[in-house]
Amino acid sequence: MPMITLPNVNERKHVHIINPCAGDGRLYEGVKKAVSQTGEEVRLTEGPGDVEKICREEIAKDPFVHLVVYGGDGTVHEAVNGIQNSGRALTASFSVIPAGSGNDFSAYANKAAGFTPPDLQHLDLVKTTRKKADGAEEVRWFANSLNLGFDGQVVLEADRYKHQKGLRGNTAYIAGVATVLLKKRAVPVKITLEGITDRVSGAGRTDGQWGSLTETWNGDSLSVEGEILLTACANGPFCGGGFKGAPLCSMTDGLMDVLVVQNITRRKFVSMVGAYHDGTFIGEDGQVKPRFREVLRYFQCRKMHLLTEEGYCLDGEVYDSAVDLTVELVPEAVWFASL
C-alpha cells in the first residue's frame, strides 16, 4: 500500500464550527471577523448533534480538512465521533478553542501535554460498544473520560446547576459534588480490566476481598464485583472542570487509566476530595499513597468491560444504563493540533 503524505495544518482547508450564541454571541462575532480576513469557512450549529454532523459533512467534501471546533468537552465529544464515523480519521484533523463550561480535554491537549502548536499530533481515543436489550450494538467514542457512579451523578447535578443557577466549570462541579454527597448511594457493578500494566502499583495481585468488593485476578486481567462509589476510565488527566482525577494519564501512551473507589462514608470521601482534586493521592512513581490504598485502586490497562444498570457519562455527555459495555483504547486514532 502506498504511503500517504499528510499536509501540515497550514496547508489544509480550515472550517470553523461554532455555536453563534456562545459567549452571548461575542465569540462568534470575533471569529467571523478574524476568518473574514483569511477566507476560511465558518459553519454554525443550531443544537445537539450538529458538530458531529458538520464534521462528517466537511470530511466527505475534503478528507484532509482541518476542523476548528469552539466549545467544551461535549463539543470535543461530538467532533471525535464525527471524525471517526466519517471513515477518514487517518487523514482529517482538528483543533479545539475552549469555550465551554468544562474544558478538561483542552486543559491537557492545548496546555499540559506540551504539544508544539500547530504541529499535527496523533492522539489516542477510547471506543465504547454497548450491547442493547434487542441485541443491537451502539458504538461511541470518547476523547477524555468515562464516569460512572458518583462522578456520573455529579455531572447530572452540575448540568442542572449550569442551566438553572448559571454556575460554570469547577463551581458547578463542586455544587454537584455537594448535592450528590447528601444523597450518596452505592452502585452495584462488575468491572473487568484487561491488559493491566505494572506501571502503577496500589495493591498486590492476589484474589480476595477488598472491603465490600471481590477481586479475582487472571494473569494481567482483573474482575472487581460488588458495590462501589465510583469508577472512572480516563484518556486524559482532568475531569469536572479541573479535577486531576487521573494524574498519570496521557493521550499518547496507548493506555487507559482506571480509578475504582470503594463505597466509603461521606466523612471519608470529604477527607479525600482535596487529594482527588489535586491528583496527589498517587505519586509520580505510580505508587498509590498508603492512606488511600484501602479506599481506591488505580490501574493502567487497555480494555474494560462493565456490567451495571447505572447510567454513565462520556466526556460529560449522559448515556443511560451501561448494562453491557465494552471500553477499549485505540492508539493513534485521531490527528490533533494544539493552538
Protein backbone atom coordinates (compact mmCIF):
# COMPACT_ATOMS: atom_id res chain seq x y z
CA MET A 1 0.00 0.00 0.00
CA PRO A 2 1.49 3.41 -0.97
CA MET A 3 2.34 5.84 1.82
CA ILE A 4 0.19 8.96 2.11
CA THR A 5 2.00 12.21 2.81
CA LEU A 6 -0.26 14.31 5.01
CA PRO A 7 -0.39 18.07 4.52
CA ASN A 8 0.51 20.09 7.59
CA VAL A 9 -2.11 22.20 9.32
CA ASN A 10 -1.33 25.40 7.42
CA GLU A 11 -1.74 23.62 4.07
CA ARG A 12 -5.23 22.33 4.86
CA LYS A 13 -8.63 23.85 4.31
CA HIS A 14 -9.89 25.19 7.66
CA VAL A 15 -13.53 25.02 8.70
CA HIS A 16 -14.56 26.72 11.95
CA ILE A 17 -17.54 25.16 13.73
CA ILE A 18 -19.21 27.35 16.32
CA ASN A 19 -22.45 27.96 18.19
CA PRO A 20 -23.45 31.54 17.24
CA CYS A 21 -24.86 32.09 20.76
CA ALA A 22 -21.61 31.13 22.54
CA GLY A 23 -20.40 33.85 24.86
CA ASP A 24 -23.62 35.82 24.24
CA GLY A 25 -22.67 35.98 20.57
CA ARG A 26 -19.42 37.83 21.20
CA LEU A 27 -17.27 34.81 20.46
CA TYR A 28 -18.96 34.24 17.10
CA GLU A 29 -18.56 37.89 16.12
CA GLY A 30 -14.86 37.71 16.95
CA VAL A 31 -14.40 34.51 14.95
CA LYS A 32 -16.34 35.88 11.99
CA LYS A 33 -14.18 39.00 11.92
CA ALA A 34 -10.94 37.01 12.18
CA VAL A 35 -11.72 34.46 9.47
CA SER A 36 -13.10 37.09 7.08
CA GLN A 37 -9.50 38.16 6.62
CA THR A 38 -8.33 34.64 5.79
CA GLY A 39 -11.16 33.41 3.57
CA GLU A 40 -11.72 30.38 5.80
CA GLU A 41 -15.17 28.87 6.22
CA VAL A 42 -17.47 29.14 9.24
CA ARG A 43 -20.26 26.61 9.96
CA LEU A 44 -22.86 27.41 12.61
CA THR A 45 -24.50 24.89 14.93
CA GLU A 46 -28.14 25.05 15.98
CA GLY A 47 -28.42 22.24 18.52
CA PRO A 48 -27.07 18.97 19.94
CA GLY A 49 -25.55 16.67 17.34
CA ASP A 50 -24.76 19.43 14.85
CA VAL A 51 -20.99 19.40 15.46
CA GLU A 52 -20.85 15.67 14.76
CA LYS A 53 -22.97 16.08 11.60
CA ILE A 54 -20.95 19.02 10.28
CA CYS A 55 -17.66 17.20 10.85
CA ARG A 56 -18.88 14.26 8.77
CA GLU A 57 -20.14 16.56 6.01
CA GLU A 58 -16.91 18.53 5.77
CA ILE A 59 -14.70 15.45 5.75
CA ALA A 60 -16.84 13.93 2.99
CA LYS A 61 -16.05 17.03 0.89
CA ASP A 62 -12.34 17.12 1.78
CA PRO A 63 -10.70 14.18 3.61
CA PHE A 64 -7.76 16.40 4.62
CA VAL A 65 -9.87 19.20 6.12
CA HIS A 66 -8.84 20.77 9.43
CA LEU A 67 -11.81 21.29 11.73
CA VAL A 68 -11.60 24.02 14.37
CA VAL A 69 -14.32 23.47 16.97
CA TYR A 70 -15.31 26.02 19.60
CA GLY A 71 -16.73 24.68 22.85
CA GLY A 72 -16.12 22.41 25.81
CA ASP A 73 -15.77 18.69 26.35
CA GLY A 74 -19.22 17.92 24.93
CA THR A 75 -18.23 19.66 21.69
CA VAL A 76 -14.99 17.66 21.51
CA HIS A 77 -17.04 14.51 22.12
CA GLU A 78 -19.23 15.27 19.10
CA ALA A 79 -16.21 16.20 16.98
CA VAL A 80 -14.27 12.97 17.56
CA ASN A 81 -17.39 10.88 16.93
CA GLY A 82 -17.99 12.76 13.68
CA ILE A 83 -14.38 12.24 12.61
CA GLN A 84 -14.40 8.54 13.48
CA ASN A 85 -17.76 7.92 11.81
CA SER A 86 -16.59 9.67 8.65
CA GLY A 87 -14.20 6.82 7.90
CA ARG A 88 -11.41 9.38 7.33
CA ALA A 89 -9.87 9.64 10.78
CA LEU A 90 -6.43 8.85 9.32
CA THR A 91 -6.45 11.98 7.15
CA ALA A 92 -8.69 14.67 8.72
CA SER A 93 -7.55 16.71 11.74
CA PHE A 94 -9.00 19.02 14.37
CA SER A 95 -8.29 21.67 16.98
CA VAL A 96 -10.41 22.96 19.83
CA ILE A 97 -10.82 26.51 21.11
CA PRO A 98 -12.00 26.12 24.74
CA ALA A 99 -15.34 27.88 25.09
CA GLY A 100 -17.41 25.56 27.27
CA SER A 101 -18.31 25.23 30.92
CA GLY A 102 -15.94 22.24 31.14
CA ASN A 103 -12.70 22.33 29.16
CA ASP A 104 -10.81 19.34 30.55
CA PHE A 105 -9.72 17.97 27.16
CA SER A 106 -8.27 21.36 26.21
CA ALA A 107 -6.55 21.75 29.59
CA TYR A 108 -4.44 18.74 28.67
CA ALA A 109 -4.23 18.77 24.88
CA ASN A 110 -3.72 22.54 24.47
CA LYS A 111 -1.64 23.08 27.61
CA ALA A 112 -0.38 20.37 29.96
CA ALA A 113 0.68 17.91 27.24
CA GLY A 114 3.26 20.34 25.89
CA PHE A 115 2.49 19.68 22.22
CA THR A 116 4.12 22.10 19.75
CA PRO A 117 1.47 24.20 18.01
CA PRO A 118 0.33 23.89 15.30
CA ASP A 119 2.07 20.60 14.53
CA LEU A 120 -0.15 17.58 13.97
CA GLN A 121 -0.15 15.14 16.85
CA HIS A 122 -1.68 11.66 16.96
CA LEU A 123 -3.98 11.20 19.98
CA ASP A 124 -5.45 8.01 21.41
CA LEU A 125 -9.23 7.70 21.66
CA VAL A 126 -11.41 5.23 23.54
CA LYS A 127 -14.09 3.19 21.78
CA THR A 128 -17.17 2.09 23.72
CA THR A 129 -19.54 -0.63 22.49
CA ARG A 130 -22.85 -1.01 24.29
CA LYS A 131 -24.99 -4.09 23.77
CA LYS A 132 -28.67 -3.20 23.89
CA ALA A 133 -31.53 -5.43 25.02
CA ASP A 134 -32.52 -6.14 21.41
CA GLY A 135 -29.00 -7.38 20.61
CA ALA A 136 -28.01 -4.26 18.66
CA GLU A 137 -24.66 -2.59 19.38
CA GLU A 138 -24.10 1.14 19.84
CA VAL A 139 -20.56 2.43 19.27
CA ARG A 140 -19.47 5.78 20.73
CA TRP A 141 -16.01 7.26 21.20
CA PHE A 142 -14.66 9.45 23.97
CA ALA A 143 -11.65 11.72 23.99
CA ASN A 144 -11.28 12.46 27.68
CA SER A 145 -13.17 10.31 30.20
CA LEU A 146 -15.92 7.87 31.10
CA ASN A 147 -17.51 8.38 34.52
CA LEU A 148 -19.87 6.03 36.34
CA GLY A 149 -21.34 6.18 39.82
CA PHE A 150 -20.70 9.24 41.98
CA ASP A 151 -18.91 11.16 39.19
CA GLY A 152 -21.68 10.43 36.70
CA GLN A 153 -24.33 11.57 39.17
CA VAL A 154 -22.32 14.75 39.78
CA VAL A 155 -22.31 15.52 36.04
CA LEU A 156 -26.12 15.41 36.04
CA GLU A 157 -26.34 17.74 39.04
CA ALA A 158 -23.61 20.06 37.71
CA ASP A 159 -25.52 20.35 34.43
CA ARG A 160 -28.62 21.31 36.39
CA TYR A 161 -26.68 24.00 38.26
CA LYS A 162 -25.29 25.35 34.99
CA HIS A 163 -28.74 25.74 33.44
CA GLN A 164 -30.78 26.70 36.49
CA LYS A 165 -28.32 28.66 38.59
CA GLY A 166 -25.88 29.97 35.98
CA LEU A 167 -22.85 28.36 37.61
CA ARG A 168 -19.91 27.38 35.43
CA GLY A 169 -16.98 24.96 35.30
CA ASN A 170 -15.40 23.99 38.59
CA THR A 171 -18.02 25.89 40.63
CA ALA A 172 -20.90 23.92 39.11
CA TYR A 173 -18.98 20.67 39.58
CA ILE A 174 -18.32 21.38 43.28
CA ALA A 175 -22.01 22.24 43.78
CA GLY A 176 -22.86 18.93 42.10
CA VAL A 177 -20.46 17.09 44.39
CA ALA A 178 -22.11 18.60 47.47
CA THR A 179 -25.60 17.68 46.26
CA VAL A 180 -24.75 14.10 45.32
CA LEU A 181 -22.84 13.65 48.57
CA LEU A 182 -26.04 14.36 50.51
CA LYS A 183 -27.86 11.65 48.52
CA LYS A 184 -24.87 9.29 48.34
CA ARG A 185 -25.73 5.81 47.12
CA ALA A 186 -23.71 2.76 46.19
CA VAL A 187 -23.57 1.40 42.64
CA PRO A 188 -23.64 -2.40 42.08
CA VAL A 189 -21.21 -3.26 39.28
CA LYS A 190 -18.92 -5.87 37.81
CA ILE A 191 -15.75 -4.42 36.27
CA THR A 192 -13.30 -6.47 34.24
CA LEU A 193 -9.96 -4.95 33.22
CA GLU A 194 -7.64 -6.49 30.62
CA GLY A 195 -4.03 -5.76 29.70
CA ILE A 196 -3.15 -4.25 33.09
CA THR A 197 0.42 -2.96 33.17
CA ASP A 198 2.88 -2.91 36.07
CA ARG A 199 3.44 0.85 35.80
CA VAL A 200 1.05 1.54 38.67
CA SER A 201 1.01 -0.32 41.97
CA GLY A 202 -1.75 0.19 44.52
CA ALA A 203 -2.06 -3.35 45.78
CA GLY A 204 -0.77 -6.85 45.18
CA ARG A 205 -2.23 -9.12 42.50
CA THR A 206 -3.99 -11.52 44.83
CA ASP A 207 -7.56 -12.79 44.84
CA GLY A 208 -9.80 -11.98 47.77
CA GLN A 209 -11.94 -9.33 49.40
CA TRP A 210 -11.13 -5.64 49.11
CA GLY A 211 -13.58 -4.10 51.52
CA SER A 212 -17.04 -4.97 50.18
CA LEU A 213 -15.62 -5.88 46.76
CA THR A 214 -14.41 -9.23 45.45
CA GLU A 215 -11.21 -9.16 43.37
CA THR A 216 -10.27 -12.02 41.04
CA TRP A 217 -7.03 -11.99 39.04
CA ASN A 218 -6.22 -13.97 35.89
CA GLY A 219 -2.78 -13.07 34.58
CA ASP A 220 -2.95 -9.39 33.56
CA SER A 221 -6.76 -9.31 33.89
CA LEU A 222 -8.81 -8.41 36.96
CA SER A 223 -12.51 -8.69 37.83
CA VAL A 224 -13.94 -6.49 40.58
CA GLU A 225 -17.51 -7.15 41.73
CA GLY A 226 -19.70 -5.52 44.34
CA GLU A 227 -20.85 -2.03 45.33
CA ILE A 228 -18.64 0.94 44.53
CA LEU A 229 -18.85 4.69 44.99
CA LEU A 230 -17.46 5.41 41.52
CA THR A 231 -15.27 4.29 38.68
CA ALA A 232 -13.64 6.49 36.06
CA CYS A 233 -11.90 5.44 32.86
CA ALA A 234 -9.63 8.21 31.62
CA ASN A 235 -7.81 9.09 28.42
CA GLY A 236 -6.83 12.48 29.85
CA PRO A 237 -5.85 13.53 33.39
CA PHE A 238 -8.57 16.13 34.11
CA CYS A 239 -12.31 15.91 34.77
CA GLY A 240 -15.07 18.00 36.32
CA GLY A 241 -13.65 21.36 35.27
CA GLY A 242 -10.14 20.93 36.64
CA PHE A 243 -10.13 17.91 38.99
CA LYS A 244 -6.95 15.92 38.32
CA GLY A 245 -8.57 12.53 38.85
CA ALA A 246 -6.14 10.59 36.63
CA PRO A 247 -2.80 12.31 37.28
CA LEU A 248 -0.64 9.76 35.41
CA CYS A 249 -2.81 9.80 32.30
CA SER A 250 -1.54 10.61 28.81
CA MET A 251 -3.37 10.72 25.46
CA THR A 252 -0.36 9.26 23.65
CA ASP A 253 0.71 6.22 25.72
CA GLY A 254 -1.74 3.62 24.38
CA LEU A 255 -3.27 3.05 27.83
CA MET A 256 -6.42 3.94 29.75
CA ASP A 257 -6.21 4.96 33.40
CA VAL A 258 -8.96 3.42 35.55
CA LEU A 259 -9.87 4.54 39.05
CA VAL A 260 -12.13 2.45 41.30
CA VAL A 261 -13.30 3.88 44.64
CA GLN A 262 -14.90 1.84 47.42
CA ASN A 263 -18.35 2.73 48.74
CA ILE A 264 -16.87 4.84 51.53
CA THR A 265 -18.63 7.08 54.08
CA ARG A 266 -19.37 10.74 53.43
CA ARG A 267 -16.79 11.79 56.00
CA LYS A 268 -14.11 9.63 54.38
CA PHE A 269 -14.98 10.97 50.95
CA VAL A 270 -14.78 14.60 52.09
CA SER A 271 -11.34 13.91 53.56
CA MET A 272 -10.20 12.68 50.13
CA VAL A 273 -11.65 15.42 47.89
CA GLY A 274 -8.63 17.72 48.14
CA ALA A 275 -6.22 14.99 47.08
CA TYR A 276 -8.58 13.91 44.30
CA HIS A 277 -8.77 17.48 43.01
CA ASP A 278 -5.00 17.94 43.04
CA GLY A 279 -4.13 14.41 41.91
CA THR A 280 -1.88 13.91 44.93
CA PHE A 281 -3.36 10.56 46.02
CA ILE A 282 -0.75 8.87 43.82
CA GLY A 283 2.93 9.64 43.35
CA GLU A 284 4.80 10.17 40.08
CA ASP A 285 6.38 6.76 40.67
CA GLY A 286 2.96 5.13 40.25
CA GLN A 287 2.54 4.26 43.92
CA VAL A 288 -0.85 4.96 45.47
CA LYS A 289 -0.15 6.70 48.76
CA PRO A 290 -0.68 4.44 51.80
CA ARG A 291 -3.67 6.26 53.31
CA PHE A 292 -5.62 5.88 50.05
CA ARG A 293 -4.89 2.23 49.32
CA GLU A 294 -7.77 0.91 51.40
CA VAL A 295 -10.32 3.03 49.55
CA LEU A 296 -9.19 3.23 45.92
CA ARG A 297 -7.39 1.34 43.16
CA TYR A 298 -5.64 2.94 40.17
CA PHE A 299 -4.84 0.87 37.08
CA GLN A 300 -3.44 1.42 33.61
CA CYS A 301 -4.85 -1.03 31.09
CA ARG A 302 -6.06 -1.45 27.50
CA LYS A 303 -9.61 -2.72 27.87
CA MET A 304 -12.51 -2.63 30.33
CA HIS A 305 -15.90 -4.32 30.50
CA LEU A 306 -18.77 -3.00 32.64
CA LEU A 307 -21.92 -4.79 33.77
CA THR A 308 -24.32 -2.48 35.63
CA GLU A 309 -27.76 -0.87 35.41
CA GLU A 310 -26.23 2.52 36.22
CA GLY A 311 -26.13 5.35 33.67
CA TYR A 312 -22.75 6.79 32.72
CA CYS A 313 -21.10 9.82 31.09
CA LEU A 314 -18.72 10.10 28.14
CA ASP A 315 -16.90 13.46 28.05
CA GLY A 316 -19.67 14.85 30.25
CA GLU A 317 -22.45 13.65 27.92
CA VAL A 318 -25.01 11.46 29.69
CA TYR A 319 -25.94 7.97 28.48
CA ASP A 320 -28.49 5.64 30.04
CA SER A 321 -27.80 2.22 31.55
CA ALA A 322 -24.42 0.73 30.70
CA VAL A 323 -25.81 -2.83 31.13
CA ASP A 324 -23.12 -4.47 28.96
CA LEU A 325 -20.41 -2.02 27.93
CA THR A 326 -17.01 -2.77 26.41
CA VAL A 327 -14.42 0.02 26.58
CA GLU A 328 -11.21 -0.25 24.55
CA LEU A 329 -8.25 2.08 23.98
CA VAL A 330 -7.45 2.71 20.29
CA PRO A 331 -3.92 4.12 19.89
CA GLU A 332 -3.23 6.99 17.47
CA ALA A 333 -6.89 7.22 16.49
CA VAL A 334 -7.15 10.91 15.53
CA TRP A 335 -4.99 13.83 14.36
CA PHE A 336 -4.97 16.91 16.60
CA ALA A 337 -3.22 20.27 16.51
CA SER A 338 -2.85 22.34 19.68
CA LEU A 339 -3.36 26.08 19.45
